[in-house]
PDB file of N, CA and C in Angstrom:
ATOM      1  N   UNK A   1     140.012 168.891 144.180  1.00  0.00           N
ATOM      2  CA  UNK A   1     138.504 168.673 143.876  1.00  0.00           C
ATOM      3  C   UNK A   1     138.332 167.598 143.322  1.00  0.00           C
ATOM      4  N   UNK A   2     137.364 166.544 143.610  1.00  0.00           N
ATOM      5  CA  UNK A   2     136.926 165.335 143.539  1.00  0.00           C
ATOM      6  C   UNK A   2     136.321 165.261 142.157  1.00  0.00           C
ATOM      7  N   UNK A   3     136.400 164.493 141.124  1.00  0.00           N
ATOM      8  CA  UNK A   3     135.867 164.098 140.104  1.00  0.00           C
ATOM      9  C   UNK A   3     134.353 163.795 140.224  1.00  0.00           C
ATOM     10  N   UNK A   4     133.346 164.611 139.745  1.00  0.00           N
ATOM     11  CA  UNK A   4     132.118 163.967 139.986  1.00  0.00           C
ATOM     12  C   UNK A   4     131.723 162.985 138.965  1.00  0.00           C
ATOM     13  N   UNK A   5     130.907 161.982 139.592  1.00  0.00           N
ATOM     14  CA  UNK A   5     130.603 160.921 138.749  1.00  0.00           C
ATOM     15  C   UNK A   5     129.470 161.026 137.780  1.00  0.00           C
ATOM     16  N   UNK A   6     129.798 161.033 136.146  1.00  0.00           N
ATOM     17  CA  UNK A   6     128.736 161.307 135.210  1.00  0.00           C
ATOM     18  C   UNK A   6     127.934 160.123 135.501  1.00  0.00           C
ATOM     19  N   UNK A   7     126.661 160.424 134.836  1.00  0.00           N
ATOM     20  CA  UNK A   7     125.309 159.871 134.669  1.00  0.00           C
ATOM     21  C   UNK A   7     125.744 158.580 133.966  1.00  0.00           C
ATOM     22  N   UNK A   8     126.369 158.807 132.619  1.00  0.00           N
ATOM     23  CA  UNK A   8     126.823 157.847 131.838  1.00  0.00           C
ATOM     24  C   UNK A   8     127.683 156.743 132.719  1.00  0.00           C
ATOM     25  N   UNK A   9     128.715 156.930 133.389  1.00  0.00           N
ATOM     26  CA  UNK A   9     129.549 156.198 133.876  1.00  0.00           C
ATOM     27  C   UNK A   9     128.460 155.175 135.066  1.00  0.00           C
ATOM     28  N   UNK A  10     127.672 155.618 135.582  1.00  0.00           N
ATOM     29  CA  UNK A  10     126.675 155.012 136.418  1.00  0.00           C
ATOM     30  C   UNK A  10     125.819 154.281 135.866  1.00  0.00           C
ATOM     31  N   UNK A  11     125.365 154.526 134.596  1.00  0.00           N
ATOM     32  CA  UNK A  11     124.417 153.505 133.915  1.00  0.00           C
ATOM     33  C   UNK A  11     125.203 152.358 133.293  1.00  0.00           C
ATOM     34  N   UNK A  12     126.397 152.556 132.662  1.00  0.00           N
ATOM     35  CA  UNK A  12     127.334 151.607 131.934  1.00  0.00           C
ATOM     36  C   UNK A  12     127.735 150.596 133.319  1.00  0.00           C
ATOM     37  N   UNK A  13     127.908 151.203 134.712  1.00  0.00           N
ATOM     38  CA  UNK A  13     128.479 150.241 135.724  1.00  0.00           C
ATOM     39  C   UNK A  13     127.308 149.397 135.809  1.00  0.00           C
ATOM     40  N   UNK A  14     125.924 149.928 136.277  1.00  0.00           N
ATOM     41  CA  UNK A  14     124.850 149.251 136.645  1.00  0.00           C
ATOM     42  C   UNK A  14     124.678 148.308 135.438  1.00  0.00           C
ATOM     43  N   UNK A  15     125.038 148.425 134.164  1.00  0.00           N
ATOM     44  CA  UNK A  15     124.405 147.616 133.069  1.00  0.00           C
ATOM     45  C   UNK A  15     125.480 146.320 133.182  1.00  0.00           C
ATOM     46  N   UNK A  16     126.683 146.726 133.711  1.00  0.00           N
ATOM     47  CA  UNK A  16     127.909 145.837 133.796  1.00  0.00           C
ATOM     48  C   UNK A  16     127.336 144.644 134.506  1.00  0.00           C
ATOM     49  N   UNK A  17     126.981 145.533 135.818  1.00  0.00           N
ATOM     50  CA  UNK A  17     126.565 144.475 137.090  1.00  0.00           C
ATOM     51  C   UNK A  17     125.455 143.994 136.831  1.00  0.00           C
ATOM     52  N   UNK A  18     124.244 144.232 136.212  1.00  0.00           N
ATOM     53  CA  UNK A  18     123.200 143.341 135.976  1.00  0.00           C
ATOM     54  C   UNK A  18     123.398 142.282 134.994  1.00  0.00           C
ATOM     55  N   UNK A  19     124.324 142.331 134.063  1.00  0.00           N
ATOM     56  CA  UNK A  19     124.482 140.814 132.963  1.00  0.00           C
ATOM     57  C   UNK A  19     125.864 140.409 133.422  1.00  0.00           C
ATOM     58  N   UNK A  20     125.980 140.294 134.469  1.00  0.00           N
ATOM     59  CA  UNK A  20     127.223 139.579 135.068  1.00  0.00           C
ATOM     60  C   UNK A  20     127.313 138.301 135.057  1.00  0.00           C
ATOM     61  N   UNK A  21     128.140 137.372 134.632  1.00  0.00           N
ATOM     62  CA  UNK A  21     127.651 135.958 134.255  1.00  0.00           C
ATOM     63  C   UNK A  21     128.980 135.342 134.882  1.00  0.00           C
ATOM     64  N   UNK A  22     128.726 134.840 135.787  1.00  0.00           N
ATOM     65  CA  UNK A  22     130.128 133.962 136.316  1.00  0.00           C
ATOM     66  C   UNK A  22     130.823 133.063 135.222  1.00  0.00           C
ATOM     67  N   UNK A  23     132.031 133.456 135.186  1.00  0.00           N
ATOM     68  CA  UNK A  23     133.115 132.676 134.470  1.00  0.00           C
ATOM     69  C   UNK A  23     133.193 131.198 134.420  1.00  0.00           C
ATOM     70  N   UNK A  24     133.431 130.262 133.632  1.00  0.00           N
ATOM     71  CA  UNK A  24     133.458 129.051 133.737  1.00  0.00           C
ATOM     72  C   UNK A  24     134.896 128.714 133.386  1.00  0.00           C
ATOM     73  N   UNK A  25     135.538 128.364 134.693  1.00  0.00           N
ATOM     74  CA  UNK A  25     136.795 128.119 134.884  1.00  0.00           C
ATOM     75  C   UNK A  25     137.173 126.638 134.523  1.00  0.00           C
ATOM     76  N   UNK A  26     138.544 126.318 134.579  1.00  0.00           N
ATOM     77  CA  UNK A  26     139.050 125.025 134.695  1.00  0.00           C
ATOM     78  C   UNK A  26     139.784 125.009 135.645  1.00  0.00           C
ATOM     79  N   UNK A  27     139.180 124.897 137.106  1.00  0.00           N
ATOM     80  CA  UNK A  27     139.792 124.562 138.119  1.00  0.00           C
ATOM     81  C   UNK A  27     139.364 123.295 138.604  1.00  0.00           C
ATOM     82  N   UNK A  28     140.405 122.459 139.659  1.00  0.00           N
ATOM     83  CA  UNK A  28     140.010 121.441 140.329  1.00  0.00           C
ATOM     84  C   UNK A  28     138.803 121.385 140.960  1.00  0.00           C
ATOM     85  N   UNK A  29     138.787 122.031 141.585  1.00  0.00           N
ATOM     86  CA  UNK A  29     137.338 122.015 142.529  1.00  0.00           C
ATOM     87  C   UNK A  29     136.650 123.329 142.575  1.00  0.00           C
ATOM     88  N   UNK A  30     135.238 123.661 143.313  1.00  0.00           N
ATOM     89  CA  UNK A  30     134.762 124.475 143.591  1.00  0.00           C
ATOM     90  C   UNK A  30     135.528 125.708 144.524  1.00  0.00           C
ATOM     91  N   UNK A  31     136.357 124.889 145.581  1.00  0.00           N
ATOM     92  CA  UNK A  31     137.154 125.413 146.317  1.00  0.00           C
ATOM     93  C   UNK A  31     138.117 126.426 145.935  1.00  0.00           C
ATOM     94  N   UNK A  32     138.913 125.492 144.940  1.00  0.00           N
ATOM     95  CA  UNK A  32     139.981 126.064 144.222  1.00  0.00           C
ATOM     96  C   UNK A  32     139.532 127.423 143.318  1.00  0.00           C
ATOM     97  N   UNK A  33     138.380 127.207 142.951  1.00  0.00           N
ATOM     98  CA  UNK A  33     137.808 128.277 142.119  1.00  0.00           C
ATOM     99  C   UNK A  33     137.627 129.503 142.924  1.00  0.00           C
ATOM    100  N   UNK A  34     136.983 129.376 144.193  1.00  0.00           N
ATOM    101  CA  UNK A  34     136.832 130.360 145.025  1.00  0.00           C
ATOM    102  C   UNK A  34     138.178 130.975 145.602  1.00  0.00           C
ATOM    103  N   UNK A  35     139.055 130.180 146.050  1.00  0.00           N
ATOM    104  CA  UNK A  35     140.401 130.743 146.355  1.00  0.00           C
ATOM    105  C   UNK A  35     141.326 131.474 145.433  1.00  0.00           C
ATOM    106  N   UNK A  36     141.152 131.333 143.968  1.00  0.00           N
ATOM    107  CA  UNK A  36     141.613 131.932 143.312  1.00  0.00           C
ATOM    108  C   UNK A  36     141.154 133.270 143.074  1.00  0.00           C
ATOM    109  N   UNK A  37     139.690 133.432 142.867  1.00  0.00           N
ATOM    110  CA  UNK A  37     139.033 134.533 142.837  1.00  0.00           C
ATOM    111  C   UNK A  37     139.118 135.589 144.455  1.00  0.00           C
ATOM    112  N   UNK A  38     139.138 134.946 145.134  1.00  0.00           N
ATOM    113  CA  UNK A  38     139.425 135.363 146.699  1.00  0.00           C
ATOM    114  C   UNK A  38     140.927 136.216 146.424  1.00  0.00           C
ATOM    115  N   UNK A  39     141.859 135.615 145.719  1.00  0.00           N
ATOM    116  CA  UNK A  39     143.254 136.137 145.575  1.00  0.00           C
ATOM    117  C   UNK A  39     143.110 137.205 144.867  1.00  0.00           C
ATOM    118  N   UNK A  40     142.582 137.318 143.778  1.00  0.00           N
ATOM    119  CA  UNK A  40     142.340 138.148 142.403  1.00  0.00           C
ATOM    120  C   UNK A  40     141.611 139.247 143.065  1.00  0.00           C
ATOM    121  N   UNK A  41     140.699 139.179 143.733  1.00  0.00           N
ATOM    122  CA  UNK A  41     139.822 140.504 144.671  1.00  0.00           C
ATOM    123  C   UNK A  41     140.766 141.122 145.624  1.00  0.00           C
ATOM    124  N   UNK A  42     141.653 140.056 146.339  1.00  0.00           N
ATOM    125  CA  UNK A  42     142.661 140.953 147.525  1.00  0.00           C
ATOM    126  C   UNK A  42     143.713 141.890 146.600  1.00  0.00           C
ATOM    127  N   UNK A  43     144.309 141.119 145.583  1.00  0.00           N
ATOM    128  CA  UNK A  43     144.975 141.900 144.784  1.00  0.00           C
ATOM    129  C   UNK A  43     144.820 143.231 143.929  1.00  0.00           C
ATOM    130  N   UNK A  44     143.537 143.163 143.752  1.00  0.00           N
ATOM    131  CA  UNK A  44     142.931 144.488 143.077  1.00  0.00           C
ATOM    132  C   UNK A  44     142.543 145.505 144.147  1.00  0.00           C
ATOM    133  N   UNK A  45     142.197 144.875 145.306  1.00  0.00           N
ATOM    134  CA  UNK A  45     141.911 145.909 146.425  1.00  0.00           C
ATOM    135  C   UNK A  45     143.220 146.555 146.951  1.00  0.00           C
ATOM    136  N   UNK A  46     144.090 145.755 147.083  1.00  0.00           N
ATOM    137  CA  UNK A  46     145.418 146.385 147.445  1.00  0.00           C
ATOM    138  C   UNK A  46     145.846 147.414 146.420  1.00  0.00           C
ATOM    139  N   UNK A  47     145.869 147.251 144.971  1.00  0.00           N
ATOM    140  CA  UNK A  47     146.201 148.021 144.133  1.00  0.00           C
ATOM    141  C   UNK A  47     145.425 149.256 144.149  1.00  0.00           C
ATOM    142  N   UNK A  48     144.172 149.154 144.456  1.00  0.00           N
ATOM    143  CA  UNK A  48     143.417 150.457 144.809  1.00  0.00           C
ATOM    144  C   UNK A  48     143.680 150.918 145.910  1.00  0.00           C
ATOM    145  N   UNK A  49     144.018 150.511 147.072  1.00  0.00           N
ATOM    146  CA  UNK A  49     144.600 151.381 148.211  1.00  0.00           C
ATOM    147  C   UNK A  49     145.674 151.917 148.129  1.00  0.00           C
ATOM    148  N   UNK A  50     146.806 151.315 147.553  1.00  0.00           N
ATOM    149  CA  UNK A  50     147.998 151.922 147.244  1.00  0.00           C
ATOM    150  C   UNK A  50     148.285 152.907 146.419  1.00  0.00           C
ATOM    151  N   UNK A  51     146.813 152.977 145.187  1.00  0.00           N
ATOM    152  CA  UNK A  51     146.933 153.643 144.385  1.00  0.00           C
ATOM    153  C   UNK A  51     146.774 155.437 144.553  1.00  0.00           C
ATOM    154  N   UNK A  52     145.714 155.454 146.010  1.00  0.00           N
ATOM    155  CA  UNK A  52     145.179 156.436 146.074  1.00  0.00           C
ATOM    156  C   UNK A  52     146.251 157.527 147.157  1.00  0.00           C
ATOM    157  N   UNK A  53     145.977 158.783 146.997  1.00  0.00           N
ATOM    158  CA  UNK A  53     146.885 159.582 147.959  1.00  0.00           C
ATOM    159  C   UNK A  53     147.029 159.291 149.142  1.00  0.00           C
ATOM    160  N   UNK A  54     147.516 160.556 150.415  1.00  0.00           N
ATOM    161  CA  UNK A  54     147.282 160.335 151.409  1.00  0.00           C
ATOM    162  C   UNK A  54     145.991 160.901 152.119  1.00  0.00           C
ATOM    163  N   UNK A  55     145.748 161.702 151.533  1.00  0.00           N
ATOM    164  CA  UNK A  55     144.432 162.380 151.634  1.00  0.00           C
ATOM    165  C   UNK A  55     143.402 161.529 151.878  1.00  0.00           C
ATOM    166  N   UNK A  56     143.261 160.324 151.307  1.00  0.00           N
ATOM    167  CA  UNK A  56     142.000 159.576 151.453  1.00  0.00           C
ATOM    168  C   UNK A  56     142.144 158.646 152.703  1.00  0.00           C
ATOM    169  N   UNK A  57     141.887 158.464 153.790  1.00  0.00           N
ATOM    170  CA  UNK A  57     142.136 157.993 154.659  1.00  0.00           C
ATOM    171  C   UNK A  57     141.390 156.406 154.729  1.00  0.00           C
ATOM    172  N   UNK A  58     140.316 156.357 154.007  1.00  0.00           N
ATOM    173  CA  UNK A  58     139.814 155.309 154.133  1.00  0.00           C
ATOM    174  C   UNK A  58     140.240 153.808 153.085  1.00  0.00           C
ATOM    175  N   UNK A  59     141.534 154.510 152.372  1.00  0.00           N
ATOM    176  CA  UNK A  59     142.009 153.700 151.400  1.00  0.00           C
ATOM    177  C   UNK A  59     141.129 152.962 150.369  1.00  0.00           C
ATOM    178  N   UNK A  60     140.392 153.789 149.784  1.00  0.00           N
ATOM    179  CA  UNK A  60     139.678 153.304 148.825  1.00  0.00           C
ATOM    180  C   UNK A  60     138.928 154.252 148.050  1.00  0.00           C
ATOM    181  N   UNK A  61     138.684 154.176 146.515  1.00  0.00           N
ATOM    182  CA  UNK A  61     138.106 155.030 145.819  1.00  0.00           C
ATOM    183  C   UNK A  61     137.033 154.690 145.596  1.00  0.00           C
ATOM    184  N   UNK A  62     135.644 155.484 145.698  1.00  0.00           N
ATOM    185  CA  UNK A  62     134.429 155.611 145.517  1.00  0.00           C
ATOM    186  C   UNK A  62     134.072 155.336 143.798  1.00  0.00           C
ATOM    187  N   UNK A  63     134.391 154.305 143.204  1.00  0.00           N
ATOM    188  CA  UNK A  63     134.062 154.184 141.851  1.00  0.00           C
ATOM    189  C   UNK A  63     132.876 154.244 141.330  1.00  0.00           C
ATOM    190  N   UNK A  64     132.453 154.287 140.365  1.00  0.00           N
ATOM    191  CA  UNK A  64     131.055 154.019 140.032  1.00  0.00           C
ATOM    192  C   UNK A  64     130.135 152.816 140.096  1.00  0.00           C
ATOM    193  N   UNK A  65     131.230 151.756 139.832  1.00  0.00           N
ATOM    194  CA  UNK A  65     130.688 150.375 140.384  1.00  0.00           C
ATOM    195  C   UNK A  65     130.244 150.253 141.901  1.00  0.00           C
ATOM    196  N   UNK A  66     131.199 150.873 142.666  1.00  0.00           N
ATOM    197  CA  UNK A  66     130.589 151.006 143.983  1.00  0.00           C
ATOM    198  C   UNK A  66     129.457 151.538 144.678  1.00  0.00           C
ATOM    199  N   UNK A  67     129.539 152.702 143.645  1.00  0.00           N
ATOM    200  CA  UNK A  67     128.286 153.724 143.886  1.00  0.00           C
ATOM    201  C   UNK A  67     126.824 153.027 143.502  1.00  0.00           C
ATOM    202  N   UNK A  68     126.887 152.274 142.325  1.00  0.00           N
ATOM    203  CA  UNK A  68     125.753 151.439 141.725  1.00  0.00           C
ATOM    204  C   UNK A  68     125.606 150.277 142.871  1.00  0.00           C
ATOM    205  N   UNK A  69     126.546 149.713 143.196  1.00  0.00           N
ATOM    206  CA  UNK A  69     126.404 148.596 144.161  1.00  0.00           C
ATOM    207  C   UNK A  69     125.366 149.244 145.322  1.00  0.00           C
ATOM    208  N   UNK A  70     125.870 150.318 146.093  1.00  0.00           N
ATOM    209  CA  UNK A  70     125.278 151.158 147.201  1.00  0.00           C
ATOM    210  C   UNK A  70     124.220 151.252 146.893  1.00  0.00           C
ATOM    211  N   UNK A  71     123.749 151.696 145.457  1.00  0.00           N
ATOM    212  CA  UNK A  71     122.372 152.319 145.432  1.00  0.00           C
ATOM    213  C   UNK A  71     121.412 151.270 145.321  1.00  0.00           C
ATOM    214  N   UNK A  72     122.183 149.967 144.764  1.00  0.00           N
ATOM    215  CA  UNK A  72     121.178 148.571 144.514  1.00  0.00           C
ATOM    216  C   UNK A  72     121.036 147.832 146.164  1.00  0.00           C
ATOM    217  N   UNK A  73     122.103 148.111 146.858  1.00  0.00           N
ATOM    218  CA  UNK A  73     121.673 147.605 148.000  1.00  0.00           C
ATOM    219  C   UNK A  73     120.632 148.438 149.087  1.00  0.00           C
ATOM    220  N   UNK A  74     120.708 149.668 148.756  1.00  0.00           N
ATOM    221  CA  UNK A  74     119.874 150.534 149.684  1.00  0.00           C
ATOM    222  C   UNK A  74     118.307 150.520 149.063  1.00  0.00           C
ATOM    223  N   UNK A  75     118.279 150.371 147.663  1.00  0.00           N
ATOM    224  CA  UNK A  75     117.113 149.594 146.920  1.00  0.00           C
ATOM    225  C   UNK A  75     116.414 148.638 147.403  1.00  0.00           C
ATOM    226  N   UNK A  76     117.628 147.350 147.736  1.00  0.00           N
ATOM    227  CA  UNK A  76     116.897 146.196 148.326  1.00  0.00           C
ATOM    228  C   UNK A  76     116.275 146.515 149.478  1.00  0.00           C
ATOM    229  N   UNK A  77     117.290 147.216 150.666  1.00  0.00           N
ATOM    230  CA  UNK A  77     116.771 147.252 151.898  1.00  0.00           C
ATOM    231  C   UNK A  77     115.499 148.288 152.349  1.00  0.00           C
ATOM    232  N   UNK A  78     115.449 149.084 151.062  1.00  0.00           N
ATOM    233  CA  UNK A  78     113.912 149.914 151.162  1.00  0.00           C
ATOM    234  C   UNK A  78     112.710 149.125 150.912  1.00  0.00           C
ATOM    235  N   UNK A  79     113.104 147.895 149.982  1.00  0.00           N
ATOM    236  CA  UNK A  79     111.894 147.075 149.288  1.00  0.00           C
ATOM    237  C   UNK A  79     111.834 145.931 150.903  1.00  0.00           C
ATOM    238  N   UNK A  80     112.680 145.809 151.671  1.00  0.00           N
ATOM    239  CA  UNK A  80     112.744 144.980 152.459  1.00  0.00           C
ATOM    240  C   UNK A  80     111.696 145.760 153.530  1.00  0.00           C
ATOM    241  N   UNK A  81     112.457 146.984 154.041  1.00  0.00           N
ATOM    242  CA  UNK A  81     111.561 147.650 155.026  1.00  0.00           C
ATOM    243  C   UNK A  81     110.155 147.820 154.623  1.00  0.00           C
ATOM    244  N   UNK A  82     109.778 148.349 153.520  1.00  0.00           N
ATOM    245  CA  UNK A  82     108.521 148.476 153.224  1.00  0.00           C
ATOM    246  C   UNK A  82     107.595 147.182 153.031  1.00  0.00           C
ATOM    247  N   UNK A  83     108.141 146.048 152.694  1.00  0.00           N
ATOM    248  CA  UNK A  83     107.141 145.061 153.107  1.00  0.00           C
ATOM    249  C   UNK A  83     107.020 144.862 154.438  1.00  0.00           C
ATOM    250  N   UNK A  84     108.095 144.753 155.236  1.00  0.00           N
ATOM    251  CA  UNK A  84     107.936 144.933 156.569  1.00  0.00           C
ATOM    252  C   UNK A  84     106.812 145.579 157.205  1.00  0.00           C
ATOM    253  N   UNK A  85     106.617 146.846 156.829  1.00  0.00           N
ATOM    254  CA  UNK A  85     105.883 147.883 157.095  1.00  0.00           C
ATOM    255  C   UNK A  85     104.458 147.493 156.694  1.00  0.00           C
ATOM    256  N   UNK A  86     104.176 146.998 155.589  1.00  0.00           N
ATOM    257  CA  UNK A  86     103.062 146.643 155.011  1.00  0.00           C
ATOM    258  C   UNK A  86     102.637 145.575 155.579  1.00  0.00           C
ATOM    259  N   UNK A  87     103.199 144.809 156.103  1.00  0.00           N
ATOM    260  CA  UNK A  87     102.913 143.173 156.558  1.00  0.00           C
ATOM    261  C   UNK A  87     102.300 143.740 158.168  1.00  0.00           C
ATOM    262  N   UNK A  88     103.081 144.598 158.824  1.00  0.00           N
ATOM    263  CA  UNK A  88     102.740 145.020 160.001  1.00  0.00           C
ATOM    264  C   UNK A  88     101.240 145.768 160.049  1.00  0.00           C
ATOM    265  N   UNK A  89     101.002 146.345 159.021  1.00  0.00           N
ATOM    266  CA  UNK A  89      99.829 147.225 158.806  1.00  0.00           C
ATOM    267  C   UNK A  89      98.630 146.258 158.580  1.00  0.00           C
ATOM    268  N   UNK A  90      98.805 145.140 157.723  1.00  0.00           N
ATOM    269  CA  UNK A  90      97.632 144.113 157.431  1.00  0.00           C
ATOM    270  C   UNK A  90      97.538 143.305 158.951  1.00  0.00           C
ATOM    271  N   UNK A  91      98.758 143.257 159.531  1.00  0.00           N
ATOM    272  CA  UNK A  91      98.159 142.086 160.821  1.00  0.00           C
ATOM    273  C   UNK A  91      97.883 142.963 162.416  1.00  0.00           C
TER     274      UNK A  91
END
């Protein structure tokens, strides 16, 4: 049975995402910084895919951070649709 996401986990994940500040690295260029960050992201995602069992066909865990990102994304698109609808009514 899957572990239910705790409300506290969602809150802490949301707070972490809200105050995330990009790190100031000592890279030769912005391009190099992007390469290093992309490599790190690939490594983390590969580890997450390998750590799940065979029952998970998508190959990823639905963590609290991912759930918060999904909620933020849904809120954004709801705002866009709402503003579009209001604009259509005015016209």
